[in-house]
Amino acid sequence: MKLRAYKPDDCLTLAELFYQTVHTVNAKDYTVQQLAVWATGQVDLEAWDQSFLEHTTVIAEANGTVLGFGDMDNSGYLDRLYVHRDFQNKGVATAILAALEQKALLAEICHFVTYASITAKPFFESRGYFVIEENIVIRSGIQLINYRMEKTCTAHPHNPFVNQP
């Protein structure tokens, strides 16, 4: 597996990976109706491309296959982190998140925020994120639950990510 920066010709692949991941991996925690409004299959590719270009976006791939992606803005907000359904629990998300956090740390950003799905919440907790609040999103009249999670690092000689609740 290698990590690399986003290129505009990745956008469609990432949109497809997002759709497939939501509809398979997240199916254990959300209803069919919730999945349908979360990932409709109608992504605005121009808006996604612009967002990926404005953010630090990391792609994980192996043998020409995109395994996952994540993006973080310049305030430390982790917008998206998705791993292909066939590559779950293989360290892909961990590698992407570590790369994003490291790039942010180099830019002196030391506070991270994300909205984690029910499915992703344990992953983020294992990476030092704390639940700040449960969040309810309404899309097309359907309620989705996620969690606002945060992580703060402090200067530490061996580990910059000594976490503060």
N, C-alpha and C. Protein backbone atom coordinates (compact mmCIF):
# COMPACT_ATOMS: atom_id res chain seq x y z
N MET A 1 0.85 -1.19 0.00
CA MET A 1 0.00 0.00 0.00
C MET A 1 0.89 1.24 0.00
N LYS A 2 0.53 2.19 -0.84
CA LYS A 2 1.23 3.47 -0.82
C LYS A 2 0.21 4.58 -0.66
N LEU A 3 0.67 5.67 -0.07
CA LEU A 3 -0.16 6.86 0.09
C LEU A 3 0.32 7.90 -0.90
N ARG A 4 -0.62 8.62 -1.48
CA ARG A 4 -0.27 9.67 -2.42
C ARG A 4 -1.30 10.79 -2.34
N ALA A 5 -0.97 11.90 -2.98
CA ALA A 5 -1.89 13.04 -3.02
C ALA A 5 -2.99 12.80 -4.05
N TYR A 6 -4.09 13.47 -3.85
CA TYR A 6 -5.24 13.44 -4.76
C TYR A 6 -4.90 14.10 -6.09
N LYS A 7 -5.47 13.54 -7.17
CA LYS A 7 -5.43 14.13 -8.50
C LYS A 7 -6.88 14.24 -8.98
N PRO A 8 -7.21 15.26 -9.75
CA PRO A 8 -8.61 15.42 -10.20
C PRO A 8 -9.19 14.20 -10.91
N ASP A 9 -8.37 13.41 -11.59
CA ASP A 9 -8.94 12.24 -12.26
C ASP A 9 -9.30 11.11 -11.29
N ASP A 10 -9.02 11.30 -9.99
CA ASP A 10 -9.45 10.35 -8.95
C ASP A 10 -10.91 10.54 -8.53
N CYS A 11 -11.49 11.67 -8.84
CA CYS A 11 -12.76 12.07 -8.23
C CYS A 11 -13.88 11.05 -8.44
N LEU A 12 -14.08 10.59 -9.64
CA LEU A 12 -15.15 9.63 -9.90
C LEU A 12 -14.92 8.33 -9.14
N THR A 13 -13.68 7.86 -9.12
CA THR A 13 -13.35 6.64 -8.37
C THR A 13 -13.67 6.82 -6.89
N LEU A 14 -13.35 7.99 -6.33
CA LEU A 14 -13.62 8.23 -4.91
C LEU A 14 -15.12 8.30 -4.64
N ALA A 15 -15.87 8.90 -5.55
CA ALA A 15 -17.33 8.97 -5.39
C ALA A 15 -17.93 7.56 -5.41
N GLU A 16 -17.43 6.71 -6.29
CA GLU A 16 -17.94 5.34 -6.37
C GLU A 16 -17.55 4.55 -5.12
N LEU A 17 -16.31 4.73 -4.64
CA LEU A 17 -15.88 4.06 -3.41
C LEU A 17 -16.73 4.50 -2.23
N PHE A 18 -17.00 5.80 -2.14
CA PHE A 18 -17.86 6.34 -1.08
C PHE A 18 -19.23 5.65 -1.10
N TYR A 19 -19.86 5.60 -2.26
CA TYR A 19 -21.19 5.00 -2.38
C TYR A 19 -21.17 3.53 -1.96
N GLN A 20 -20.23 2.78 -2.50
CA GLN A 20 -20.15 1.35 -2.20
C GLN A 20 -19.84 1.10 -0.72
N THR A 21 -18.95 1.88 -0.14
CA THR A 21 -18.60 1.71 1.27
C THR A 21 -19.80 1.98 2.16
N VAL A 22 -20.48 3.09 1.93
CA VAL A 22 -21.64 3.43 2.74
C VAL A 22 -22.68 2.31 2.66
N HIS A 23 -22.97 1.84 1.45
CA HIS A 23 -24.04 0.87 1.26
C HIS A 23 -23.69 -0.56 1.66
N THR A 24 -22.42 -0.81 1.97
CA THR A 24 -22.05 -2.15 2.43
C THR A 24 -21.55 -2.11 3.87
N VAL A 25 -20.49 -1.36 4.13
CA VAL A 25 -19.87 -1.34 5.46
C VAL A 25 -20.81 -0.73 6.50
N ASN A 26 -21.48 0.36 6.15
CA ASN A 26 -22.35 1.04 7.12
C ASN A 26 -23.72 0.40 7.24
N ALA A 27 -24.01 -0.60 6.42
CA ALA A 27 -25.33 -1.24 6.44
C ALA A 27 -25.62 -1.94 7.77
N LYS A 28 -24.60 -2.27 8.54
CA LYS A 28 -24.84 -2.93 9.83
C LYS A 28 -25.39 -1.97 10.88
N ASP A 29 -25.22 -0.66 10.65
CA ASP A 29 -25.61 0.33 11.66
C ASP A 29 -26.72 1.28 11.22
N TYR A 30 -27.07 1.25 9.94
CA TYR A 30 -28.07 2.18 9.39
C TYR A 30 -29.07 1.40 8.54
N THR A 31 -30.28 1.94 8.45
CA THR A 31 -31.32 1.29 7.65
C THR A 31 -31.09 1.55 6.15
N VAL A 32 -31.78 0.80 5.33
CA VAL A 32 -31.70 0.99 3.88
C VAL A 32 -32.10 2.42 3.51
N GLN A 33 -33.13 2.95 4.17
CA GLN A 33 -33.57 4.32 3.89
C GLN A 33 -32.49 5.34 4.29
N GLN A 34 -31.85 5.12 5.43
CA GLN A 34 -30.79 6.02 5.87
C GLN A 34 -29.60 5.98 4.89
N LEU A 35 -29.23 4.80 4.47
CA LEU A 35 -28.12 4.66 3.52
C LEU A 35 -28.45 5.36 2.20
N ALA A 36 -29.70 5.26 1.77
CA ALA A 36 -30.11 5.86 0.49
C ALA A 36 -30.02 7.38 0.51
N VAL A 37 -30.30 8.02 1.64
CA VAL A 37 -30.21 9.48 1.69
C VAL A 37 -28.79 9.95 2.02
N TRP A 38 -28.00 9.10 2.65
CA TRP A 38 -26.62 9.43 2.96
C TRP A 38 -25.77 9.40 1.68
N ALA A 39 -25.88 8.32 0.94
CA ALA A 39 -25.12 8.15 -0.30
C ALA A 39 -26.11 7.85 -1.41
N THR A 40 -26.52 8.91 -2.09
CA THR A 40 -27.57 8.79 -3.11
C THR A 40 -27.06 8.27 -4.45
N GLY A 41 -25.76 8.34 -4.66
CA GLY A 41 -25.20 7.98 -5.96
C GLY A 41 -25.15 9.18 -6.90
N GLN A 42 -25.55 10.34 -6.41
CA GLN A 42 -25.58 11.57 -7.21
C GLN A 42 -24.65 12.62 -6.62
N VAL A 43 -23.36 12.33 -6.57
CA VAL A 43 -22.37 13.26 -6.03
C VAL A 43 -22.11 14.36 -7.05
N ASP A 44 -22.00 15.59 -6.58
CA ASP A 44 -21.60 16.72 -7.43
C ASP A 44 -20.08 16.62 -7.59
N LEU A 45 -19.64 16.03 -8.69
CA LEU A 45 -18.21 15.77 -8.89
C LEU A 45 -17.39 17.05 -8.93
N GLU A 46 -17.93 18.13 -9.50
CA GLU A 46 -17.19 19.40 -9.52
C GLU A 46 -16.96 19.91 -8.11
N ALA A 47 -18.00 19.85 -7.28
CA ALA A 47 -17.87 20.32 -5.89
C ALA A 47 -16.91 19.43 -5.11
N TRP A 48 -16.99 18.12 -5.30
CA TRP A 48 -16.07 17.22 -4.62
C TRP A 48 -14.65 17.48 -5.06
N ASP A 49 -14.42 17.62 -6.35
CA ASP A 49 -13.08 17.87 -6.86
C ASP A 49 -12.52 19.15 -6.24
N GLN A 50 -13.33 20.21 -6.23
CA GLN A 50 -12.89 21.48 -5.66
C GLN A 50 -12.53 21.31 -4.18
N SER A 51 -13.37 20.58 -3.46
CA SER A 51 -13.13 20.33 -2.04
C SER A 51 -11.84 19.54 -1.83
N PHE A 52 -11.65 18.49 -2.60
CA PHE A 52 -10.43 17.68 -2.48
C PHE A 52 -9.19 18.51 -2.78
N LEU A 53 -9.28 19.40 -3.77
CA LEU A 53 -8.14 20.24 -4.13
C LEU A 53 -7.84 21.29 -3.06
N GLU A 54 -8.87 21.79 -2.40
CA GLU A 54 -8.69 22.79 -1.35
C GLU A 54 -8.18 22.17 -0.04
N HIS A 55 -8.51 20.90 0.19
CA HIS A 55 -8.10 20.20 1.40
C HIS A 55 -6.80 19.44 1.16
N THR A 56 -6.21 18.97 2.23
CA THR A 56 -5.17 17.96 2.11
C THR A 56 -5.91 16.64 1.92
N THR A 57 -5.70 16.01 0.77
CA THR A 57 -6.41 14.78 0.44
C THR A 57 -5.39 13.68 0.18
N VAL A 58 -5.56 12.57 0.89
CA VAL A 58 -4.64 11.44 0.80
C VAL A 58 -5.39 10.25 0.23
N ILE A 59 -4.76 9.61 -0.75
CA ILE A 59 -5.29 8.40 -1.38
C ILE A 59 -4.39 7.23 -1.00
N ALA A 60 -4.99 6.13 -0.58
CA ALA A 60 -4.24 4.89 -0.36
C ALA A 60 -4.52 3.98 -1.55
N GLU A 61 -3.47 3.41 -2.12
CA GLU A 61 -3.67 2.50 -3.24
C GLU A 61 -2.64 1.38 -3.22
N ALA A 62 -2.99 0.31 -3.92
CA ALA A 62 -2.09 -0.82 -4.08
C ALA A 62 -2.38 -1.43 -5.45
N ASN A 63 -1.34 -1.65 -6.21
CA ASN A 63 -1.47 -2.25 -7.54
C ASN A 63 -2.51 -1.54 -8.40
N GLY A 64 -2.54 -0.22 -8.32
CA GLY A 64 -3.46 0.56 -9.15
C GLY A 64 -4.88 0.62 -8.64
N THR A 65 -5.18 -0.02 -7.50
CA THR A 65 -6.52 -0.01 -6.92
C THR A 65 -6.57 0.97 -5.76
N VAL A 66 -7.56 1.85 -5.77
CA VAL A 66 -7.74 2.78 -4.65
C VAL A 66 -8.36 2.01 -3.49
N LEU A 67 -7.65 2.00 -2.37
CA LEU A 67 -8.10 1.28 -1.18
C LEU A 67 -8.92 2.17 -0.26
N GLY A 68 -8.66 3.49 -0.31
CA GLY A 68 -9.38 4.41 0.55
C GLY A 68 -8.88 5.82 0.33
N PHE A 69 -9.56 6.76 0.99
CA PHE A 69 -9.17 8.17 0.88
C PHE A 69 -9.65 8.93 2.10
N GLY A 70 -9.02 10.06 2.33
CA GLY A 70 -9.43 10.94 3.40
C GLY A 70 -9.00 12.35 3.07
N ASP A 71 -9.74 13.31 3.62
CA ASP A 71 -9.36 14.71 3.39
C ASP A 71 -9.63 15.54 4.63
N MET A 72 -8.72 16.51 4.83
CA MET A 72 -8.79 17.39 5.99
C MET A 72 -8.56 18.83 5.52
N ASP A 73 -9.37 19.75 6.04
CA ASP A 73 -9.19 21.16 5.65
C ASP A 73 -8.09 21.80 6.51
N ASN A 74 -7.81 23.07 6.26
CA ASN A 74 -6.69 23.72 6.94
C ASN A 74 -7.02 24.17 8.36
N SER A 75 -8.20 23.80 8.88
CA SER A 75 -8.51 24.08 10.28
C SER A 75 -8.41 22.82 11.14
N GLY A 76 -8.18 21.66 10.50
CA GLY A 76 -8.14 20.40 11.23
C GLY A 76 -9.44 19.62 11.18
N TYR A 77 -10.36 20.06 10.31
CA TYR A 77 -11.63 19.35 10.15
C TYR A 77 -11.45 18.20 9.17
N LEU A 78 -11.63 16.97 9.65
CA LEU A 78 -11.57 15.79 8.81
C LEU A 78 -12.93 15.63 8.15
N ASP A 79 -12.99 15.89 6.86
CA ASP A 79 -14.26 15.89 6.14
C ASP A 79 -14.71 14.47 5.80
N ARG A 80 -13.83 13.71 5.15
CA ARG A 80 -14.18 12.36 4.70
C ARG A 80 -13.04 11.42 5.01
N LEU A 81 -13.40 10.17 5.35
CA LEU A 81 -12.44 9.08 5.49
C LEU A 81 -13.21 7.79 5.18
N TYR A 82 -12.92 7.23 4.02
CA TYR A 82 -13.63 6.04 3.58
C TYR A 82 -12.64 5.02 3.05
N VAL A 83 -12.89 3.75 3.37
CA VAL A 83 -12.04 2.64 2.93
C VAL A 83 -12.91 1.67 2.16
N HIS A 84 -12.39 1.20 1.04
CA HIS A 84 -13.07 0.23 0.18
C HIS A 84 -13.56 -0.95 1.02
N ARG A 85 -14.73 -1.43 0.71
CA ARG A 85 -15.35 -2.51 1.49
C ARG A 85 -14.48 -3.76 1.58
N ASP A 86 -13.65 -4.02 0.56
CA ASP A 86 -12.82 -5.22 0.56
C ASP A 86 -11.50 -5.04 1.31
N PHE A 87 -11.25 -3.84 1.84
CA PHE A 87 -9.98 -3.58 2.52
C PHE A 87 -10.19 -3.02 3.92
N GLN A 88 -11.30 -3.37 4.54
CA GLN A 88 -11.59 -2.95 5.91
C GLN A 88 -10.66 -3.70 6.88
N ASN A 89 -10.32 -3.03 7.98
CA ASN A 89 -9.53 -3.63 9.06
C ASN A 89 -8.16 -4.13 8.61
N LYS A 90 -7.56 -3.42 7.67
CA LYS A 90 -6.23 -3.78 7.18
C LYS A 90 -5.24 -2.62 7.36
N GLY A 91 -5.61 -1.61 8.17
CA GLY A 91 -4.71 -0.50 8.44
C GLY A 91 -4.79 0.65 7.46
N VAL A 92 -5.70 0.58 6.51
CA VAL A 92 -5.81 1.63 5.49
C VAL A 92 -6.25 2.95 6.12
N ALA A 93 -7.35 2.93 6.87
CA ALA A 93 -7.85 4.16 7.50
C ALA A 93 -6.82 4.71 8.49
N THR A 94 -6.18 3.84 9.23
CA THR A 94 -5.17 4.27 10.19
C THR A 94 -4.04 5.00 9.48
N ALA A 95 -3.57 4.46 8.36
CA ALA A 95 -2.48 5.08 7.61
C ALA A 95 -2.90 6.43 7.04
N ILE A 96 -4.10 6.50 6.48
CA ILE A 96 -4.59 7.76 5.90
C ILE A 96 -4.73 8.81 6.99
N LEU A 97 -5.37 8.45 8.10
CA LEU A 97 -5.58 9.41 9.19
C LEU A 97 -4.25 9.88 9.76
N ALA A 98 -3.31 8.97 9.94
CA ALA A 98 -2.00 9.35 10.48
C ALA A 98 -1.30 10.34 9.53
N ALA A 99 -1.40 10.10 8.24
CA ALA A 99 -0.78 11.01 7.26
C ALA A 99 -1.42 12.39 7.31
N LEU A 100 -2.75 12.42 7.41
CA LEU A 100 -3.45 13.71 7.47
C LEU A 100 -3.10 14.46 8.75
N GLU A 101 -3.10 13.76 9.87
CA GLU A 101 -2.75 14.40 11.14
C GLU A 101 -1.30 14.89 11.12
N GLN A 102 -0.40 14.12 10.55
CA GLN A 102 1.00 14.52 10.49
C GLN A 102 1.17 15.77 9.63
N LYS A 103 0.48 15.83 8.50
CA LYS A 103 0.56 17.03 7.64
C LYS A 103 -0.01 18.24 8.38
N ALA A 104 -1.09 18.04 9.12
CA ALA A 104 -1.67 19.13 9.89
C ALA A 104 -0.71 19.59 10.98
N LEU A 105 -0.08 18.65 11.66
CA LEU A 105 0.86 19.00 12.71
C LEU A 105 2.02 19.84 12.16
N LEU A 106 2.49 19.49 10.97
CA LEU A 106 3.55 20.28 10.34
C LEU A 106 3.10 21.70 10.03
N ALA A 107 1.78 21.88 9.85
CA ALA A 107 1.22 23.21 9.63
C ALA A 107 0.78 23.85 10.95
N GLU A 108 1.21 23.25 12.07
CA GLU A 108 0.90 23.74 13.42
C GLU A 108 -0.59 23.69 13.75
N ILE A 109 -1.28 22.73 13.17
CA ILE A 109 -2.68 22.46 13.52
C ILE A 109 -2.66 21.27 14.46
N CYS A 110 -3.26 21.46 15.63
CA CYS A 110 -3.16 20.43 16.66
C CYS A 110 -4.50 20.11 17.30
N HIS A 111 -5.58 20.47 16.61
CA HIS A 111 -6.92 20.15 17.09
C HIS A 111 -7.71 19.65 15.89
N PHE A 112 -8.27 18.45 16.04
CA PHE A 112 -8.96 17.80 14.93
C PHE A 112 -10.42 17.56 15.29
N VAL A 113 -11.28 17.73 14.31
CA VAL A 113 -12.72 17.54 14.48
C VAL A 113 -13.23 16.69 13.32
N THR A 114 -14.14 15.79 13.61
CA THR A 114 -14.82 15.04 12.57
C THR A 114 -16.22 14.70 13.04
N TYR A 115 -17.06 14.33 12.09
CA TYR A 115 -18.38 13.79 12.39
C TYR A 115 -18.33 12.33 11.98
N ALA A 116 -18.28 11.44 12.96
CA ALA A 116 -18.11 10.01 12.71
C ALA A 116 -19.45 9.30 12.71
N SER A 117 -19.59 8.38 11.79
CA SER A 117 -20.78 7.54 11.75
C SER A 117 -20.78 6.60 12.95
N ILE A 118 -21.91 5.96 13.18
CA ILE A 118 -21.99 4.94 14.23
C ILE A 118 -20.91 3.88 13.96
N THR A 119 -20.75 3.50 12.71
CA THR A 119 -19.79 2.48 12.31
C THR A 119 -18.36 2.91 12.59
N ALA A 120 -18.04 4.18 12.31
CA ALA A 120 -16.66 4.67 12.44
C ALA A 120 -16.29 5.11 13.85
N LYS A 121 -17.27 5.31 14.70
CA LYS A 121 -17.00 5.82 16.05
C LYS A 121 -15.93 5.01 16.80
N PRO A 122 -16.01 3.67 16.84
CA PRO A 122 -14.97 2.92 17.57
C PRO A 122 -13.57 3.12 16.98
N PHE A 123 -13.48 3.23 15.65
CA PHE A 123 -12.18 3.48 15.02
C PHE A 123 -11.59 4.79 15.53
N PHE A 124 -12.39 5.86 15.51
CA PHE A 124 -11.88 7.16 15.95
C PHE A 124 -11.54 7.15 17.43
N GLU A 125 -12.34 6.47 18.23
CA GLU A 125 -12.01 6.36 19.66
C GLU A 125 -10.66 5.67 19.84
N SER A 126 -10.40 4.65 19.03
CA SER A 126 -9.12 3.94 19.14
C SER A 126 -7.94 4.80 18.69
N ARG A 127 -8.21 5.86 17.97
CA ARG A 127 -7.17 6.79 17.49
C ARG A 127 -7.09 8.04 18.36
N GLY A 128 -7.76 8.03 19.52
CA GLY A 128 -7.64 9.12 20.47
C GLY A 128 -8.68 10.22 20.35
N TYR A 129 -9.70 10.02 19.56
CA TYR A 129 -10.77 11.01 19.44
C TYR A 129 -11.80 10.76 20.54
N PHE A 130 -12.41 11.85 21.01
CA PHE A 130 -13.43 11.78 22.04
C PHE A 130 -14.75 12.26 21.48
N VAL A 131 -15.84 11.61 21.91
CA VAL A 131 -17.17 12.06 21.51
C VAL A 131 -17.48 13.35 22.26
N ILE A 132 -17.83 14.38 21.52
CA ILE A 132 -18.24 15.65 22.10
C ILE A 132 -19.76 15.69 22.23
N GLU A 133 -20.43 15.23 21.18
CA GLU A 133 -21.89 15.17 21.23
C GLU A 133 -22.43 14.27 20.14
N GLU A 134 -23.60 13.70 20.40
CA GLU A 134 -24.33 12.99 19.37
C GLU A 134 -24.96 14.04 18.46
N ASN A 135 -24.95 13.78 17.18
CA ASN A 135 -25.45 14.73 16.20
C ASN A 135 -26.54 14.05 15.38
N ILE A 136 -27.63 14.76 15.14
CA ILE A 136 -28.71 14.23 14.31
C ILE A 136 -28.79 15.06 13.04
N VAL A 137 -28.69 14.38 11.91
CA VAL A 137 -28.77 15.01 10.60
C VAL A 137 -30.08 14.54 9.96
N ILE A 138 -30.82 15.47 9.37
CA ILE A 138 -32.06 15.11 8.66
C ILE A 138 -31.81 15.31 7.17
N ARG A 139 -31.96 14.24 6.41
CA ARG A 139 -31.83 14.32 4.95
C ARG A 139 -33.07 13.71 4.33
N SER A 140 -33.74 14.51 3.52
CA SER A 140 -34.98 14.07 2.86
C SER A 140 -35.96 13.49 3.88
N GLY A 141 -36.02 14.10 5.05
CA GLY A 141 -36.95 13.66 6.09
C GLY A 141 -36.50 12.45 6.88
N ILE A 142 -35.34 11.92 6.58
CA ILE A 142 -34.81 10.73 7.25
C ILE A 142 -33.72 11.17 8.24
N GLN A 143 -33.81 10.64 9.45
CA GLN A 143 -32.85 10.98 10.51
C GLN A 143 -31.63 10.07 10.46
N LEU A 144 -30.45 10.68 10.51
CA LEU A 144 -29.18 9.95 10.60
C LEU A 144 -28.47 10.41 11.87
N ILE A 145 -27.88 9.48 12.58
CA ILE A 145 -27.11 9.82 13.78
C ILE A 145 -25.63 9.67 13.46
N ASN A 146 -24.86 10.68 13.88
CA ASN A 146 -23.41 10.58 13.87
C ASN A 146 -22.89 11.27 15.12
N TYR A 147 -21.59 11.35 15.26
CA TYR A 147 -20.99 11.89 16.49
C TYR A 147 -19.94 12.93 16.14
N ARG A 148 -20.05 14.08 16.79
CA ARG A 148 -18.98 15.07 16.69
C ARG A 148 -17.88 14.57 17.60
N MET A 149 -16.71 14.35 17.01
CA MET A 149 -15.58 13.84 17.77
C MET A 149 -14.39 14.77 17.58
N GLU A 150 -13.57 14.89 18.62
CA GLU A 150 -12.44 15.78 18.58
C GLU A 150 -11.21 15.11 19.19
N LYS A 151 -10.07 15.61 18.76
CA LYS A 151 -8.78 15.15 19.28
C LYS A 151 -7.87 16.36 19.34
N THR A 152 -7.17 16.50 20.45
CA THR A 152 -6.21 17.58 20.60
C THR A 152 -4.87 16.97 20.95
N CYS A 153 -3.83 17.44 20.29
CA CYS A 153 -2.49 16.96 20.60
C CYS A 153 -1.75 18.03 21.37
N THR A 154 -0.75 17.62 22.08
CA THR A 154 0.11 18.56 22.81
C THR A 154 1.55 18.24 22.44
N ALA A 155 2.41 19.21 22.60
CA ALA A 155 3.83 18.98 22.30
C ALA A 155 4.38 17.96 23.28
N HIS A 156 4.92 16.91 22.78
CA HIS A 156 5.51 15.85 23.59
C HIS A 156 6.70 15.33 22.79
N PRO A 157 7.85 15.15 23.41
CA PRO A 157 9.05 14.83 22.64
C PRO A 157 8.96 13.53 21.83
N HIS A 158 8.19 12.57 22.30
CA HIS A 158 8.14 11.29 21.60
C HIS A 158 6.82 11.07 20.85
N ASN A 159 5.79 11.75 21.27
CA ASN A 159 4.48 11.54 20.64
C ASN A 159 3.71 12.86 20.67
N PRO A 160 3.60 13.54 19.53
CA PRO A 160 2.88 14.81 19.52
C PRO A 160 1.39 14.67 19.77
N PHE A 161 0.89 13.43 19.71
CA PHE A 161 -0.55 13.24 19.87
C PHE A 161 -0.89 12.67 21.24
N VAL A 162 -0.33 13.30 22.27
CA VAL A 162 -0.76 12.99 23.63
C VAL A 162 -2.10 13.68 23.78
N ASN A 163 -3.15 12.92 23.99
CA ASN A 163 -4.51 13.44 23.84
C ASN A 163 -5.07 14.09 25.09
N GLN A 164 -5.85 15.09 24.84
CA GLN A 164 -6.54 15.81 25.90
C GLN A 164 -8.04 15.67 25.64
N PRO A 165 -8.82 15.23 26.62
CA PRO A 165 -10.26 15.13 26.40
C PRO A 165 -10.89 16.51 26.22
